[in-house]
Amino acid sequence: MNELIGTFIFFFAVIDPIGTIPVFIAFTNGFSSSLKRTIAIKASLVSALILIFFVIAGEIILTAIDIPLSAFQVAGGIVLFLFAMTMIFGESKPESEIKNASHGSEVAIFPLSVPSIASPGAMLGAVLMTENTTYTFLQQAQTSLIMLSVLVITFIFMLLAGRINSLIGSEGASVVSRVMGIILSSVAVANVLEGIKAYFAL
């Protein structure tokens, strides 16, 4: 049970549903309710397809190009750590994505799906948390379901974005994003240590 809760917290940190709320509001401002719902559905589905692709094919691609999973675990941990540092010390997720993106009809893809929901950290996490050599098929299926459950929460948050934003505001979302960054940084360090341990055990 603790492992499942830990997995949920990890994906909640890298996907950051709360941090997506200000991004969704900023890029759907003035849209009709039906269009907002369509964008939320499209963004969630595209994100799910991207992350499931990494669950299924991520390790296969690594094997095909002959990269040890332990090396990817170390590299992935470092990238996750840097990603976490930007969440803690840099601009928060809502601030940076609202600044860098532009308005358009495809906001469901950019910036909502990528990089807001299916972030680089989420893609790496999808591979690291479903290693074939470490986790059984049942465990990988459970992890995938937990990941999808976080996406469902993200979808619900987008539908309720206006109400949630009125409660916590952009500042609240920024604080939550930074707290998630702290959690993610500790997970990243653990991945690096596990990767080093696995590499020297070969």
Foldseek 3Di string as FASTA:
>chain_A
DVVLVLLLLQLCLQQVLLLLLLVLCLQCPPPDLVLLLVLLVLLLVVLLVLLVCLLPCVVVVCVVVVHDVLVLLQVLLVVLLVVLCCLAPNFHSNVVQSVPDDHDSNVSVPPRNPPNRNNPNSSSCSNLQNDPVPDPPVSNVSSSVSSSVSSVVSSVCSSCSVVVCVVQNSVNSSVVSNVSSVVSNVVSVVSNVVSVVVVVVD
